[in-house]
PDB file of N, CA and C in Angstrom:
ATOM      1  N   MET A   1       6.052 -36.291   2.603  1.00  0.00           N
ATOM      2  CA  MET A   1       4.914 -35.614   3.179  1.00  0.00           C
ATOM      3  C   MET A   1       3.648 -36.366   2.765  1.00  0.00           C
ATOM      4  N   ARG A   2       2.743 -36.465   3.664  1.00  0.00           N
ATOM      5  CA  ARG A   2       1.519 -37.184   3.383  1.00  0.00           C
ATOM      6  C   ARG A   2       0.591 -36.306   2.550  1.00  0.00           C
ATOM      7  N   PRO A   3      -0.118 -36.884   1.613  1.00  0.00           N
ATOM      8  CA  PRO A   3      -0.941 -36.102   0.683  1.00  0.00           C
ATOM      9  C   PRO A   3      -2.044 -35.285   1.362  1.00  0.00           C
ATOM     10  N   TYR A   4      -2.596 -35.759   2.462  1.00  0.00           N
ATOM     11  CA  TYR A   4      -3.662 -35.006   3.101  1.00  0.00           C
ATOM     12  C   TYR A   4      -3.144 -33.785   3.864  1.00  0.00           C
ATOM     13  N   LEU A   5      -1.846 -33.692   4.105  1.00  0.00           N
ATOM     14  CA  LEU A   5      -1.278 -32.521   4.771  1.00  0.00           C
ATOM     15  C   LEU A   5      -0.925 -31.408   3.784  1.00  0.00           C
ATOM     16  N   LEU A   6      -0.879 -31.715   2.491  1.00  0.00           N
ATOM     17  CA  LEU A   6      -0.490 -30.732   1.486  1.00  0.00           C
ATOM     18  C   LEU A   6      -1.421 -29.514   1.460  1.00  0.00           C
ATOM     19  N   PRO A   7      -2.750 -29.665   1.488  1.00  0.00           N
ATOM     20  CA  PRO A   7      -3.600 -28.457   1.505  1.00  0.00           C
ATOM     21  C   PRO A   7      -3.361 -27.573   2.730  1.00  0.00           C
ATOM     22  N   PHE A   8      -3.139 -28.191   3.872  1.00  0.00           N
ATOM     23  CA  PHE A   8      -2.883 -27.407   5.087  1.00  0.00           C
ATOM     24  C   PHE A   8      -1.550 -26.674   5.000  1.00  0.00           C
ATOM     25  N   ALA A   9      -0.554 -27.327   4.424  1.00  0.00           N
ATOM     26  CA  ALA A   9       0.750 -26.681   4.251  1.00  0.00           C
ATOM     27  C   ALA A   9       0.644 -25.511   3.283  1.00  0.00           C
ATOM     28  N   LEU A  10      -0.133 -25.673   2.216  1.00  0.00           N
ATOM     29  CA  LEU A  10      -0.324 -24.580   1.265  1.00  0.00           C
ATOM     30  C   LEU A  10      -1.083 -23.415   1.900  1.00  0.00           C
ATOM     31  N   LEU A  11      -2.096 -23.715   2.693  1.00  0.00           N
ATOM     32  CA  LEU A  11      -2.834 -22.663   3.383  1.00  0.00           C
ATOM     33  C   LEU A  11      -1.948 -21.917   4.377  1.00  0.00           C
ATOM     34  N   ALA A  12      -1.155 -22.656   5.119  1.00  0.00           N
ATOM     35  CA  ALA A  12      -0.262 -22.024   6.087  1.00  0.00           C
ATOM     36  C   ALA A  12       0.769 -21.153   5.376  1.00  0.00           C
ATOM     37  N   GLY A  13       1.303 -21.638   4.273  1.00  0.00           N
ATOM     38  CA  GLY A  13       2.275 -20.844   3.508  1.00  0.00           C
ATOM     39  C   GLY A  13       1.637 -19.601   2.919  1.00  0.00           C
ATOM     40  N   GLY A  14       0.434 -19.716   2.431  1.00  0.00           N
ATOM     41  CA  GLY A  14      -0.270 -18.552   1.893  1.00  0.00           C
ATOM     42  C   GLY A  14      -0.586 -17.529   2.968  1.00  0.00           C
ATOM     43  N   ALA A  15      -0.992 -17.991   4.132  1.00  0.00           N
ATOM     44  CA  ALA A  15      -1.276 -17.076   5.239  1.00  0.00           C
ATOM     45  C   ALA A  15      -0.010 -16.368   5.682  1.00  0.00           C
ATOM     46  N   TRP A  16       1.089 -17.080   5.724  1.00  0.00           N
ATOM     47  CA  TRP A  16       2.356 -16.463   6.114  1.00  0.00           C
ATOM     48  C   TRP A  16       2.776 -15.423   5.083  1.00  0.00           C
ATOM     49  N   ALA A  17       2.652 -15.735   3.799  1.00  0.00           N
ATOM     50  CA  ALA A  17       3.026 -14.788   2.753  1.00  0.00           C
ATOM     51  C   ALA A  17       2.130 -13.547   2.802  1.00  0.00           C
ATOM     52  N   PHE A  18       0.838 -13.715   3.076  1.00  0.00           N
ATOM     53  CA  PHE A  18      -0.071 -12.584   3.186  1.00  0.00           C
ATOM     54  C   PHE A  18       0.285 -11.710   4.387  1.00  0.00           C
ATOM     55  N   ALA A  19       0.642 -12.342   5.493  1.00  0.00           N
ATOM     56  CA  ALA A  19       1.011 -11.588   6.693  1.00  0.00           C
ATOM     57  C   ALA A  19       2.296 -10.801   6.468  1.00  0.00           C
ATOM     58  N   MET A  20       3.232 -11.354   5.748  1.00  0.00           N
ATOM     59  CA  MET A  20       4.491 -10.653   5.479  1.00  0.00           C
ATOM     60  C   MET A  20       4.267  -9.470   4.541  1.00  0.00           C
ATOM     61  N   ALA A  21       3.284  -9.534   3.673  1.00  0.00           N
ATOM     62  CA  ALA A  21       3.001  -8.434   2.755  1.00  0.00           C
ATOM     63  C   ALA A  21       2.323  -7.276   3.483  1.00  0.00           C
ATOM     64  N   GLU A  22       1.721  -7.512   4.633  1.00  0.00           N
ATOM     65  CA  GLU A  22       0.997  -6.485   5.373  1.00  0.00           C
ATOM     66  C   GLU A  22       1.846  -5.805   6.439  1.00  0.00           C
ATOM     67  N   LEU A  23       3.133  -5.987   6.444  1.00  0.00           N
ATOM     68  CA  LEU A  23       3.985  -5.341   7.442  1.00  0.00           C
ATOM     69  C   LEU A  23       3.957  -3.832   7.243  1.00  0.00           C
ATOM     70  N   PRO A  24       4.093  -3.050   8.318  1.00  0.00           N
ATOM     71  CA  PRO A  24       4.076  -1.593   8.182  1.00  0.00           C
ATOM     72  C   PRO A  24       5.298  -1.088   7.420  1.00  0.00           C
ATOM     73  N   MET A  25       5.147   0.125   6.875  1.00  0.00           N
ATOM     74  CA  MET A  25       6.242   0.720   6.130  1.00  0.00           C
ATOM     75  C   MET A  25       7.381   1.068   7.090  1.00  0.00           C
ATOM     76  N   PRO A  26       8.576   1.133   6.580  1.00  0.00           N
ATOM     77  CA  PRO A  26       9.694   1.534   7.438  1.00  0.00           C
ATOM     78  C   PRO A  26       9.483   2.945   7.994  1.00  0.00           C
ATOM     79  N   ILE A  27      10.104   3.232   9.114  1.00  0.00           N
ATOM     80  CA  ILE A  27       9.908   4.498   9.816  1.00  0.00           C
ATOM     81  C   ILE A  27      10.300   5.691   8.954  1.00  0.00           C
ATOM     82  N   GLU A  28      11.370   5.585   8.178  1.00  0.00           N
ATOM     83  CA  GLU A  28      11.809   6.727   7.384  1.00  0.00           C
ATOM     84  C   GLU A  28      10.785   7.133   6.329  1.00  0.00           C
ATOM     85  N   ARG A  29       9.915   6.235   5.896  1.00  0.00           N
ATOM     86  CA  ARG A  29       8.885   6.586   4.926  1.00  0.00           C
ATOM     87  C   ARG A  29       7.710   7.277   5.600  1.00  0.00           C
ATOM     88  N   GLN A  30       7.515   7.077   6.888  1.00  0.00           N
ATOM     89  CA  GLN A  30       6.416   7.694   7.596  1.00  0.00           C
ATOM     90  C   GLN A  30       6.722   9.133   7.989  1.00  0.00           C
ATOM     91  N   ASP A  31       7.951   9.576   7.832  1.00  0.00           N
ATOM     92  CA  ASP A  31       8.317  10.938   8.180  1.00  0.00           C
ATOM     93  C   ASP A  31       7.822  11.953   7.166  1.00  0.00           C
ATOM     94  N   THR A  32       7.261  11.510   6.063  1.00  0.00           N
ATOM     95  CA  THR A  32       6.821  12.430   5.017  1.00  0.00           C
ATOM     96  C   THR A  32       5.372  12.876   5.206  1.00  0.00           C
ATOM     97  N   VAL A  33       4.865  12.761   6.408  1.00  0.00           N
ATOM     98  CA  VAL A  33       3.495  13.188   6.699  1.00  0.00           C
ATOM     99  C   VAL A  33       3.433  14.708   6.560  1.00  0.00           C
ATOM    100  N   ALA A  34       2.347  15.190   5.968  1.00  0.00           N
ATOM    101  CA  ALA A  34       2.196  16.627   5.733  1.00  0.00           C
ATOM    102  C   ALA A  34       2.127  17.377   7.055  1.00  0.00           C
ATOM    103  N   GLN A  35       2.785  18.519   7.099  1.00  0.00           N
ATOM    104  CA  GLN A  35       2.747  19.376   8.274  1.00  0.00           C
ATOM    105  C   GLN A  35       1.425  20.146   8.293  1.00  0.00           C
ATOM    106  N   ILE A  36       0.854  20.299   9.472  1.00  0.00           N
ATOM    107  CA  ILE A  36      -0.414  21.005   9.616  1.00  0.00           C
ATOM    108  C   ILE A  36      -0.126  22.480   9.822  1.00  0.00           C
ATOM    109  N   ASP A  37      -0.820  23.324   9.062  1.00  0.00           N
ATOM    110  CA  ASP A  37      -0.672  24.763   9.192  1.00  0.00           C
ATOM    111  C   ASP A  37      -1.706  25.257  10.208  1.00  0.00           C
ATOM    112  N   PHE A  38      -1.275  25.366  11.474  1.00  0.00           N
ATOM    113  CA  PHE A  38      -2.195  25.745  12.534  1.00  0.00           C
ATOM    114  C   PHE A  38      -2.645  27.193  12.414  1.00  0.00           C
ATOM    115  N   ASP A  39      -1.812  28.061  11.874  1.00  0.00           N
ATOM    116  CA  ASP A  39      -2.209  29.457  11.682  1.00  0.00           C
ATOM    117  C   ASP A  39      -3.376  29.542  10.697  1.00  0.00           C
ATOM    118  N   ASP A  40      -3.301  28.776   9.624  1.00  0.00           N
ATOM    119  CA  ASP A  40      -4.385  28.760   8.640  1.00  0.00           C
ATOM    120  C   ASP A  40      -5.658  28.178   9.249  1.00  0.00           C
ATOM    121  N   LEU A  41      -5.531  27.103  10.019  1.00  0.00           N
ATOM    122  CA  LEU A  41      -6.701  26.521  10.675  1.00  0.00           C
ATOM    123  C   LEU A  41      -7.322  27.504  11.665  1.00  0.00           C
ATOM    124  N   HIS A  42      -6.493  28.239  12.385  1.00  0.00           N
ATOM    125  CA  HIS A  42      -6.983  29.222  13.338  1.00  0.00           C
ATOM    126  C   HIS A  42      -7.747  30.326  12.614  1.00  0.00           C
ATOM    127  N   GLN A  43      -7.218  30.769  11.485  1.00  0.00           N
ATOM    128  CA  GLN A  43      -7.891  31.807  10.698  1.00  0.00           C
ATOM    129  C   GLN A  43      -9.237  31.305  10.174  1.00  0.00           C
ATOM    130  N   GLN A  44      -9.283  30.077   9.697  1.00  0.00           N
ATOM    131  CA  GLN A  44     -10.534  29.499   9.202  1.00  0.00           C
ATOM    132  C   GLN A  44     -11.557  29.390  10.331  1.00  0.00           C
ATOM    133  N   ALA A  45     -11.107  28.994  11.505  1.00  0.00           N
ATOM    134  CA  ALA A  45     -12.018  28.874  12.646  1.00  0.00           C
ATOM    135  C   ALA A  45     -12.561  30.237  13.047  1.00  0.00           C
ATOM    136  N   ASN A  46     -11.712  31.250  13.041  1.00  0.00           N
ATOM    137  CA  ASN A  46     -12.170  32.598  13.384  1.00  0.00           C
ATOM    138  C   ASN A  46     -13.182  33.112  12.365  1.00  0.00           C
ATOM    139  N   THR A  47     -12.943  32.857  11.096  1.00  0.00           N
ATOM    140  CA  THR A  47     -13.871  33.278  10.041  1.00  0.00           C
ATOM    141  C   THR A  47     -15.218  32.581  10.207  1.00  0.00           C
ATOM    142  N   ALA A  48     -15.199  31.283  10.467  1.00  0.00           N
ATOM    143  CA  ALA A  48     -16.444  30.532  10.654  1.00  0.00           C
ATOM    144  C   ALA A  48     -17.192  31.018  11.890  1.00  0.00           C
ATOM    145  N   LEU A  49     -16.472  31.316  12.963  1.00  0.00           N
ATOM    146  CA  LEU A  49     -17.109  31.807  14.178  1.00  0.00           C
ATOM    147  C   LEU A  49     -17.742  33.179  13.949  1.00  0.00           C
ATOM    148  N   GLU A  50     -17.060  34.043  13.213  1.00  0.00           N
ATOM    149  CA  GLU A  50     -17.618  35.362  12.916  1.00  0.00           C
ATOM    150  C   GLU A  50     -18.883  35.250  12.064  1.00  0.00           C
ATOM    151  N   LYS A  51     -18.883  34.358  11.089  1.00  0.00           N
ATOM    152  CA  LYS A  51     -20.082  34.146  10.272  1.00  0.00           C
ATOM    153  C   LYS A  51     -21.224  33.604  11.117  1.00  0.00           C
ATOM    154  N   LEU A  52     -20.909  32.721  12.053  1.00  0.00           N
ATOM    155  CA  LEU A  52     -21.940  32.177  12.940  1.00  0.00           C
ATOM    156  C   LEU A  52     -22.529  33.272  13.821  1.00  0.00           C
ATOM    157  N   ARG A  53     -21.673  34.147  14.339  1.00  0.00           N
ATOM    158  CA  ARG A  53     -22.166  35.261  15.162  1.00  0.00           C
ATOM    159  C   ARG A  53     -23.051  36.196  14.351  1.00  0.00           C
ATOM    160  N   GLN A  54     -22.639  36.497  13.121  1.00  0.00           N
ATOM    161  CA  GLN A  54     -23.445  37.376  12.272  1.00  0.00           C
ATOM    162  C   GLN A  54     -24.796  36.738  11.962  1.00  0.00           C
ATOM    163  N   SER A  55     -24.797  35.443  11.697  1.00  0.00           N
ATOM    164  CA  SER A  55     -26.045  34.733  11.432  1.00  0.00           C
ATOM    165  C   SER A  55     -26.950  34.781  12.655  1.00  0.00           C
ATOM    166  N   HIS A  56     -26.382  34.601  13.819  1.00  0.00           N
ATOM    167  CA  HIS A  56     -27.166  34.648  15.057  1.00  0.00           C
ATOM    168  C   HIS A  56     -27.730  36.048  15.271  1.00  0.00           C
ATOM    169  N   ASP A  57     -26.905  37.060  15.031  1.00  0.00           N
ATOM    170  CA  ASP A  57     -27.376  38.441  15.207  1.00  0.00           C
ATOM    171  C   ASP A  57     -28.519  38.750  14.244  1.00  0.00           C
ATOM    172  N   ARG A  58     -28.403  38.304  12.991  1.00  0.00           N
ATOM    173  CA  ARG A  58     -29.479  38.533  12.020  1.00  0.00           C
ATOM    174  C   ARG A  58     -30.750  37.805  12.438  1.00  0.00           C
ATOM    175  N   ARG A  59     -30.607  36.588  12.933  1.00  0.00           N
ATOM    176  CA  ARG A  59     -31.776  35.819  13.367  1.00  0.00           C
ATOM    177  C   ARG A  59     -32.453  36.494  14.557  1.00  0.00           C
ATOM    178  N   MET A  60     -31.657  36.967  15.505  1.00  0.00           N
ATOM    179  CA  MET A  60     -32.225  37.633  16.669  1.00  0.00           C
ATOM    180  C   MET A  60     -32.912  38.934  16.256  1.00  0.00           C
ATOM    181  N   ALA A  61     -32.323  39.675  15.297  1.00  0.00           N
ATOM    182  CA  ALA A  61     -32.930  40.916  14.842  1.00  0.00           C
ATOM    183  C   ALA A  61     -34.250  40.642  14.111  1.00  0.00           C
ATOM    184  N   SER A  62     -34.302  39.597  13.325  1.00  0.00           N
ATOM    185  CA  SER A  62     -35.540  39.299  12.600  1.00  0.00           C
ATOM    186  C   SER A  62     -36.641  38.829  13.529  1.00  0.00           C
ATOM    187  N   THR A  63     -36.306  38.075  14.570  1.00  0.00           N
ATOM    188  CA  THR A  63     -37.334  37.611  15.513  1.00  0.00           C
ATOM    189  C   THR A  63     -37.797  38.753  16.405  1.00  0.00           C
ATOM    190  N   SER A  64     -36.898  39.653  16.788  1.00  0.00           N
ATOM    191  CA  SER A  64     -37.320  40.772  17.620  1.00  0.00           C
ATOM    192  C   SER A  64     -38.162  41.753  16.826  1.00  0.00           C
ATOM    193  N   ALA A  65     -37.886  41.910  15.531  1.00  0.00           N
ATOM    194  CA  ALA A  65     -38.699  42.789  14.698  1.00  0.00           C
ATOM    195  C   ALA A  65     -40.067  42.178  14.470  1.00  0.00           C
ATOM    196  N   ALA A  66     -40.166  40.882  14.444  1.00  0.00           N
ATOM    197  CA  ALA A  66     -41.442  40.214  14.208  1.00  0.00           C
ATOM    198  C   ALA A  66     -42.340  40.259  15.459  1.00  0.00           C
ATOM    199  N   THR A  67     -41.761  40.362  16.641  1.00  0.00           N
ATOM    200  CA  THR A  67     -42.565  40.369  17.867  1.00  0.00           C
ATOM    201  C   THR A  67     -43.169  41.720  18.146  1.00  0.00           C
ATOM    202  N   PHE A  68     -42.639  42.781  17.574  1.00  0.00           N
ATOM    203  CA  PHE A  68     -43.184  44.127  17.833  1.00  0.00           C
ATOM    204  C   PHE A  68     -44.343  44.412  16.982  1.00  0.00           C
TER     205      PHE A  68
END
């Protein structure tokens, strides 16, 4: 091998080794994703919506009391 090709060969080998290290995990390891509790999310959304409605009602009551 010619001496001036050695740096290019080392760079190519390093790039190949880096690319092989970045391969995705096997499919069986990706099956451990946490399950989403949609019932809990629905309850949280309902609670937040109720608080928003109460805040709006209080704001409307305070502005209507201030206009009289």
